[in-house]
Amino acid sequence: MAAPRPPRPDAAAEEVARTAAAAADWTALAAAARPCVACPELAAARQHVVVGDVPPSGRPRFVLVGEAPGANEDRTGRPFVGRSGELLDQLLIEAGLDRGQAAVLNIVKCRPPGNRTPRAPEVARCSGWLRRQLELLDPPVVVALGLSSAKWFLGPRTVLAQVRGRPHEVDGRAVWATYHPSAAIRFGPGGAPRAGLLADLTAVAEELA
């Protein structure tokens, strides 16, 4: 299946898409994304545009895609470095995956105020950056962390409980939708989200092997 179109593209979204498409490589794309002001509310409140992390080789074995930066990510300019990132790192190790071989991205590159869920126009405006990132990185496997990310890949009516646990082919890639680490933290170490996230990461490791 082809990736769903982002919701309600406007002039700002179209400009981002044109700018992103013109970036010849990751360095050029990151340089173009950092001064982005397509979402005025997010641009006014952020400290950093969190472009994402890529492995030194530039070609990841897999890609992790979350929702948006939190406070720690906004402060440091790097994705998944707070409590969610610590748990994600732990579960990756338990599953037999190496974060150093992954690219780590978000569907929205700027922190929404108060860590609210990104709004549909914000997702649409930022989609050009993520689409170009995926084109440049060309990963065989994508792990969509959380419902917002799952909807970006699988469509707006996605129900996480119905799609997790198996790969979905999107633009020639295997997309695994699973829980966000923040949900695993919220429900505690014995909760279903943590167990499900670990199970899905383990299945990804088996697929990559």
C-alpha atoms as a PDB file:
ATOM      1  CA  MET A   1       0.000   0.000   0.000  1.00  0.00           C
ATOM      2  CA  ALA A   2       1.074   3.595  -0.524  1.00  0.00           C
ATOM      3  CA  ALA A   3       1.525   5.879   2.466  1.00  0.00           C
ATOM      4  CA  PRO A   4      -1.633   7.918   3.192  1.00  0.00           C
ATOM      5  CA  ARG A   5      -1.558  11.548   2.227  1.00  0.00           C
ATOM      6  CA  PRO A   6      -1.089  13.908   5.182  1.00  0.00           C
ATOM      7  CA  PRO A   7      -4.248  15.737   6.297  1.00  0.00           C
ATOM      8  CA  ARG A   8      -5.285  18.996   4.648  1.00  0.00           C
ATOM      9  CA  PRO A   9      -2.072  20.263   3.075  1.00  0.00           C
ATOM     10  CA  ASP A  10      -1.900  24.061   2.908  1.00  0.00           C
ATOM     11  CA  ALA A  11       0.556  26.488   1.337  1.00  0.00           C
ATOM     12  CA  ALA A  12       3.030  26.076   4.194  1.00  0.00           C
ATOM     13  CA  ALA A  13       2.900  22.278   3.870  1.00  0.00           C
ATOM     14  CA  GLU A  14       3.478  22.518   0.137  1.00  0.00           C
ATOM     15  CA  GLU A  15       6.449  24.838   0.643  1.00  0.00           C
ATOM     16  CA  VAL A  16       7.991  22.441   3.168  1.00  0.00           C
ATOM     17  CA  ALA A  17       7.494  19.554   0.741  1.00  0.00           C
ATOM     18  CA  ARG A  18       9.226  21.494  -2.065  1.00  0.00           C
ATOM     19  CA  THR A  19      12.118  22.510   0.193  1.00  0.00           C
ATOM     20  CA  ALA A  20      12.557  18.998   1.539  1.00  0.00           C
ATOM     21  CA  ALA A  21      12.418  17.411  -1.904  1.00  0.00           C
ATOM     22  CA  ALA A  22      15.219  19.704  -3.066  1.00  0.00           C
ATOM     23  CA  ALA A  23      17.597  18.476  -0.333  1.00  0.00           C
ATOM     24  CA  ALA A  24      20.169  16.206  -1.949  1.00  0.00           C
ATOM     25  CA  ASP A  25      21.330  14.496   1.244  1.00  0.00           C
ATOM     26  CA  TRP A  26      20.768  14.303   4.994  1.00  0.00           C
ATOM     27  CA  THR A  27      23.060  17.244   5.788  1.00  0.00           C
ATOM     28  CA  ALA A  28      21.234  19.495   3.345  1.00  0.00           C
ATOM     29  CA  LEU A  29      17.861  18.359   4.640  1.00  0.00           C
ATOM     30  CA  ALA A  30      18.812  19.020   8.270  1.00  0.00           C
ATOM     31  CA  ALA A  31      20.133  22.477   7.382  1.00  0.00           C
ATOM     32  CA  ALA A  32      16.882  23.302   5.582  1.00  0.00           C
ATOM     33  CA  ALA A  33      14.673  21.996   8.405  1.00  0.00           C
ATOM     34  CA  ARG A  34      16.306  23.764  11.343  1.00  0.00           C
ATOM     35  CA  PRO A  35      15.025  27.288  10.521  1.00  0.00           C
ATOM     36  CA  CYS A  36      11.523  26.053   9.564  1.00  0.00           C
ATOM     37  CA  VAL A  37       8.673  28.371  10.634  1.00  0.00           C
ATOM     38  CA  ALA A  38       5.809  26.580   8.874  1.00  0.00           C
ATOM     39  CA  CYS A  39       3.977  26.218  12.216  1.00  0.00           C
ATOM     40  CA  PRO A  40       4.172  29.660  13.868  1.00  0.00           C
ATOM     41  CA  GLU A  41       3.028  28.520  17.331  1.00  0.00           C
ATOM     42  CA  LEU A  42       5.612  25.743  17.468  1.00  0.00           C
ATOM     43  CA  ALA A  43       8.382  27.881  15.998  1.00  0.00           C
ATOM     44  CA  ALA A  44       7.770  30.628  18.566  1.00  0.00           C
ATOM     45  CA  ALA A  45       7.958  28.258  21.547  1.00  0.00           C
ATOM     46  CA  ARG A  46      10.726  25.834  20.571  1.00  0.00           C
ATOM     47  CA  GLN A  47      14.402  25.842  21.444  1.00  0.00           C
ATOM     48  CA  HIS A  48      15.437  23.420  18.695  1.00  0.00           C
ATOM     49  CA  VAL A  49      14.047  21.765  15.616  1.00  0.00           C
ATOM     50  CA  VAL A  50      14.705  18.101  16.431  1.00  0.00           C
ATOM     51  CA  VAL A  51      15.629  16.806  13.003  1.00  0.00           C
ATOM     52  CA  GLY A  52      16.522  13.298  14.185  1.00  0.00           C
ATOM     53  CA  ASP A  53      19.464  10.969  14.694  1.00  0.00           C
ATOM     54  CA  VAL A  54      21.073   8.789  12.047  1.00  0.00           C
ATOM     55  CA  PRO A  55      23.814   6.171  12.434  1.00  0.00           C
ATOM     56  CA  PRO A  56      27.365   7.150  11.444  1.00  0.00           C
ATOM     57  CA  SER A  57      27.101   5.055   8.294  1.00  0.00           C
ATOM     58  CA  GLY A  58      24.091   7.090   7.179  1.00  0.00           C
ATOM     59  CA  ARG A  59      22.167   3.905   6.301  1.00  0.00           C
ATOM     60  CA  PRO A  60      20.084   2.534   9.197  1.00  0.00           C
ATOM     61  CA  ARG A  61      19.021  -1.080   9.610  1.00  0.00           C
ATOM     62  CA  PHE A  62      15.677   0.236  10.819  1.00  0.00           C
ATOM     63  CA  VAL A  63      13.957   3.523  11.663  1.00  0.00           C
ATOM     64  CA  LEU A  64      12.072   4.467  14.822  1.00  0.00           C
ATOM     65  CA  VAL A  65       9.436   7.177  14.330  1.00  0.00           C
ATOM     66  CA  GLY A  66       7.787   8.817  17.336  1.00  0.00           C
ATOM     67  CA  GLU A  67       5.263  11.625  17.680  1.00  0.00           C
ATOM     68  CA  ALA A  68       7.058  14.857  18.604  1.00  0.00           C
ATOM     69  CA  PRO A  69       9.888  16.115  20.830  1.00  0.00           C
ATOM     70  CA  GLY A  70       9.354  16.551  24.557  1.00  0.00           C
ATOM     71  CA  ALA A  71      11.035  19.022  26.883  1.00  0.00           C
ATOM     72  CA  ASN A  72      14.383  17.194  27.027  1.00  0.00           C
ATOM     73  CA  GLU A  73      14.424  16.716  23.282  1.00  0.00           C
ATOM     74  CA  ASP A  74      13.612  20.375  22.688  1.00  0.00           C
ATOM     75  CA  ARG A  75      16.409  21.393  25.045  1.00  0.00           C
ATOM     76  CA  THR A  76      19.062  19.101  23.560  1.00  0.00           C
ATOM     77  CA  GLY A  77      17.960  18.980  19.927  1.00  0.00           C
ATOM     78  CA  ARG A  78      17.993  15.160  19.936  1.00  0.00           C
ATOM     79  CA  PRO A  79      15.082  12.679  19.862  1.00  0.00           C
ATOM     80  CA  PHE A  80      14.179  10.307  22.689  1.00  0.00           C
ATOM     81  CA  VAL A  81      16.642  11.468  25.346  1.00  0.00           C
ATOM     82  CA  GLY A  82      14.232  11.826  28.274  1.00  0.00           C
ATOM     83  CA  ARG A  83      12.467   9.136  30.323  1.00  0.00           C
ATOM     84  CA  SER A  84      10.794   7.704  27.222  1.00  0.00           C
ATOM     85  CA  GLY A  85      14.161   7.508  25.522  1.00  0.00           C
ATOM     86  CA  GLU A  86      15.738   5.732  28.481  1.00  0.00           C
ATOM     87  CA  LEU A  87      12.994   3.106  28.480  1.00  0.00           C
ATOM     88  CA  LEU A  88      13.188   2.774  24.700  1.00  0.00           C
ATOM     89  CA  ASP A  89      16.946   2.162  24.923  1.00  0.00           C
ATOM     90  CA  GLN A  90      16.391  -0.483  27.601  1.00  0.00           C
ATOM     91  CA  LEU A  91      13.700  -2.301  25.607  1.00  0.00           C
ATOM     92  CA  LEU A  92      15.763  -2.177  22.417  1.00  0.00           C
ATOM     93  CA  ILE A  93      18.595  -3.926  24.252  1.00  0.00           C
ATOM     94  CA  GLU A  94      16.197  -6.517  25.688  1.00  0.00           C
ATOM     95  CA  ALA A  95      14.804  -7.145  22.200  1.00  0.00           C
ATOM     96  CA  GLY A  96      18.270  -7.581  20.707  1.00  0.00           C
ATOM     97  CA  LEU A  97      18.320  -4.329  18.725  1.00  0.00           C
ATOM     98  CA  ASP A  98      21.067  -1.720  18.601  1.00  0.00           C
ATOM     99  CA  ARG A  99      19.929   1.912  18.690  1.00  0.00           C
ATOM    100  CA  GLY A 100      23.272   2.827  17.135  1.00  0.00           C
ATOM    101  CA  GLN A 101      22.123   1.071  13.950  1.00  0.00           C
ATOM    102  CA  ALA A 102      18.803   2.926  13.840  1.00  0.00           C
ATOM    103  CA  ALA A 103      17.616   6.304  12.674  1.00  0.00           C
ATOM    104  CA  VAL A 104      15.377   7.957  15.276  1.00  0.00           C
ATOM    105  CA  LEU A 105      12.820  10.466  14.004  1.00  0.00           C
ATOM    106  CA  ASN A 106       9.480  12.085  14.849  1.00  0.00           C
ATOM    107  CA  ILE A 107       6.521  12.960  12.653  1.00  0.00           C
ATOM    108  CA  VAL A 108       6.669  16.533  14.032  1.00  0.00           C
ATOM    109  CA  LYS A 109      10.087  18.107  14.562  1.00  0.00           C
ATOM    110  CA  CYS A 110       9.166  20.848  17.082  1.00  0.00           C
ATOM    111  CA  ARG A 111       7.790  20.412  20.583  1.00  0.00           C
ATOM    112  CA  PRO A 112       4.080  21.245  20.877  1.00  0.00           C
ATOM    113  CA  PRO A 113       3.400  23.528  23.875  1.00  0.00           C
ATOM    114  CA  GLY A 114       2.722  21.528  27.022  1.00  0.00           C
ATOM    115  CA  ASN A 115       3.536  18.313  25.174  1.00  0.00           C
ATOM    116  CA  ARG A 116       0.050  18.325  23.650  1.00  0.00           C
ATOM    117  CA  THR A 117      -0.717  16.034  20.715  1.00  0.00           C
ATOM    118  CA  PRO A 118       0.321  17.617  17.403  1.00  0.00           C
ATOM    119  CA  ARG A 119      -2.594  19.079  15.476  1.00  0.00           C
ATOM    120  CA  ALA A 120      -3.497  17.861  12.002  1.00  0.00           C
ATOM    121  CA  PRO A 121      -2.192  21.000  10.208  1.00  0.00           C
ATOM    122  CA  GLU A 122       1.117  20.695  12.100  1.00  0.00           C
ATOM    123  CA  VAL A 123       1.459  17.065  11.058  1.00  0.00           C
ATOM    124  CA  ALA A 124       0.657  18.017   7.459  1.00  0.00           C
ATOM    125  CA  ARG A 125       3.209  20.843   7.406  1.00  0.00           C
ATOM    126  CA  CYS A 126       5.953  18.671   8.861  1.00  0.00           C
ATOM    127  CA  SER A 127       5.231  15.658   6.661  1.00  0.00           C
ATOM    128  CA  GLY A 128       7.492  16.850   3.864  1.00  0.00           C
ATOM    129  CA  TRP A 129      10.525  16.602   6.133  1.00  0.00           C
ATOM    130  CA  LEU A 130       9.719  13.048   7.233  1.00  0.00           C
ATOM    131  CA  ARG A 131       8.890  11.844   3.730  1.00  0.00           C
ATOM    132  CA  ARG A 132      12.219  13.098   2.425  1.00  0.00           C
ATOM    133  CA  GLN A 133      14.047  11.597   5.412  1.00  0.00           C
ATOM    134  CA  LEU A 134      12.569   8.199   4.613  1.00  0.00           C
ATOM    135  CA  GLU A 135      13.476   8.579   0.943  1.00  0.00           C
ATOM    136  CA  LEU A 136      17.078   9.443   1.766  1.00  0.00           C
ATOM    137  CA  LEU A 137      17.500   6.780   4.452  1.00  0.00           C
ATOM    138  CA  ASP A 138      15.553   4.107   2.546  1.00  0.00           C
ATOM    139  CA  PRO A 139      15.092   1.800   5.562  1.00  0.00           C
ATOM    140  CA  PRO A 140      13.709  -1.712   5.052  1.00  0.00           C
ATOM    141  CA  VAL A 141      11.838  -1.578   8.382  1.00  0.00           C
ATOM    142  CA  VAL A 142      10.063   1.267  10.187  1.00  0.00           C
ATOM    143  CA  VAL A 143       8.762   1.096  13.761  1.00  0.00           C
ATOM    144  CA  ALA A 144       5.937   3.591  14.322  1.00  0.00           C
ATOM    145  CA  LEU A 145       5.900   4.426  18.042  1.00  0.00           C
ATOM    146  CA  GLY A 146       2.465   5.460  19.261  1.00  0.00           C
ATOM    147  CA  LEU A 147      -0.889   6.193  17.650  1.00  0.00           C
ATOM    148  CA  SER A 148       0.049   9.496  16.000  1.00  0.00           C
ATOM    149  CA  SER A 149       2.936   7.847  14.187  1.00  0.00           C
ATOM    150  CA  ALA A 150       0.848   4.788  13.315  1.00  0.00           C
ATOM    151  CA  LYS A 151      -1.825   7.034  11.781  1.00  0.00           C
ATOM    152  CA  TRP A 152       0.812   8.849   9.709  1.00  0.00           C
ATOM    153  CA  PHE A 153       1.812   5.582   8.067  1.00  0.00           C
ATOM    154  CA  LEU A 154      -1.436   3.591   8.091  1.00  0.00           C
ATOM    155  CA  GLY A 155      -4.172   6.216   7.882  1.00  0.00           C
ATOM    156  CA  PRO A 156      -6.326   8.384  10.163  1.00  0.00           C
ATOM    157  CA  ARG A 157      -8.733   5.614  11.182  1.00  0.00           C
ATOM    158  CA  THR A 158      -5.963   3.391  12.515  1.00  0.00           C
ATOM    159  CA  VAL A 159      -6.673   1.629  15.816  1.00  0.00           C
ATOM    160  CA  LEU A 160      -3.380   0.657  17.400  1.00  0.00           C
ATOM    161  CA  ALA A 161      -4.680  -2.520  19.024  1.00  0.00           C
ATOM    162  CA  GLN A 162      -5.864  -3.748  15.627  1.00  0.00           C
ATOM    163  CA  VAL A 163      -2.673  -3.111  13.652  1.00  0.00           C
ATOM    164  CA  ARG A 164       0.179  -3.882  16.046  1.00  0.00           C
ATOM    165  CA  GLY A 165       1.912  -7.229  16.217  1.00  0.00           C
ATOM    166  CA  ARG A 166       2.516  -7.631  12.498  1.00  0.00           C
ATOM    167  CA  PRO A 167       4.216  -5.742   9.644  1.00  0.00           C
ATOM    168  CA  HIS A 168       2.323  -3.624   7.123  1.00  0.00           C
ATOM    169  CA  GLU A 169       3.827  -2.916   3.713  1.00  0.00           C
ATOM    170  CA  VAL A 170       3.910   0.820   3.030  1.00  0.00           C
ATOM    171  CA  ASP A 171       5.841   2.148   0.038  1.00  0.00           C
ATOM    172  CA  GLY A 172       7.829  -1.079  -0.098  1.00  0.00           C
ATOM    173  CA  ARG A 173       8.804  -0.989   3.573  1.00  0.00           C
ATOM    174  CA  ALA A 174       7.688  -3.097   6.501  1.00  0.00           C
ATOM    175  CA  VAL A 175       5.967  -0.798   9.007  1.00  0.00           C
ATOM    176  CA  TRP A 176       5.407  -2.076  12.544  1.00  0.00           C
ATOM    177  CA  ALA A 177       3.014   0.011  14.631  1.00  0.00           C
ATOM    178  CA  THR A 178       3.405  -0.304  18.378  1.00  0.00           C
ATOM    179  CA  TYR A 179       3.035   1.538  21.672  1.00  0.00           C
ATOM    180  CA  HIS A 180       4.943   4.697  22.442  1.00  0.00           C
ATOM    181  CA  PRO A 181       7.413   4.359  25.344  1.00  0.00           C
ATOM    182  CA  SER A 182       5.523   7.095  27.192  1.00  0.00           C
ATOM    183  CA  ALA A 183       2.482   4.787  27.304  1.00  0.00           C
ATOM    184  CA  ALA A 184       4.674   2.037  28.736  1.00  0.00           C
ATOM    185  CA  ILE A 185       5.812   4.456  31.457  1.00  0.00           C
ATOM    186  CA  ARG A 186       2.263   5.618  32.157  1.00  0.00           C
ATOM    187  CA  PHE A 187       0.919   2.085  32.680  1.00  0.00           C
ATOM    188  CA  GLY A 188       3.947   0.877  34.633  1.00  0.00           C
ATOM    189  CA  PRO A 189       6.346  -2.055  34.312  1.00  0.00           C
ATOM    190  CA  GLY A 190       3.539  -4.620  34.502  1.00  0.00           C
ATOM    191  CA  GLY A 191       1.280  -2.860  32.019  1.00  0.00           C
ATOM    192  CA  ALA A 192       0.214  -4.089  28.604  1.00  0.00           C
ATOM    193  CA  PRO A 193       1.918  -1.266  26.654  1.00  0.00           C
ATOM    194  CA  ARG A 194       5.379  -2.151  27.927  1.00  0.00           C
ATOM    195  CA  ALA A 195       4.887  -5.852  27.258  1.00  0.00           C
ATOM    196  CA  GLY A 196       3.454  -5.128  23.821  1.00  0.00           C
ATOM    197  CA  LEU A 197       6.243  -2.736  22.913  1.00  0.00           C
ATOM    198  CA  LEU A 198       8.884  -5.266  23.919  1.00  0.00           C
ATOM    199  CA  ALA A 199       7.119  -8.036  22.015  1.00  0.00           C
ATOM    200  CA  ASP A 200       6.907  -5.910  18.877  1.00  0.00           C
ATOM    201  CA  LEU A 201      10.555  -4.832  19.076  1.00  0.00           C
ATOM    202  CA  THR A 202      11.538  -8.476  19.526  1.00  0.00           C
ATOM    203  CA  ALA A 203       9.542  -9.394  16.424  1.00  0.00           C
ATOM    204  CA  VAL A 204      11.298  -6.620  14.502  1.00  0.00           C
ATOM    205  CA  ALA A 205      14.667  -7.985  15.630  1.00  0.00           C
ATOM    206  CA  GLU A 206      13.663 -11.428  14.380  1.00  0.00           C
ATOM    207  CA  GLU A 207      12.585  -9.978  11.036  1.00  0.00           C
ATOM    208  CA  LEU A 208      15.862  -8.105  10.633  1.00  0.00           C
ATOM    209  CA  ALA A 209      17.849 -11.224  11.525  1.00  0.00           C
END
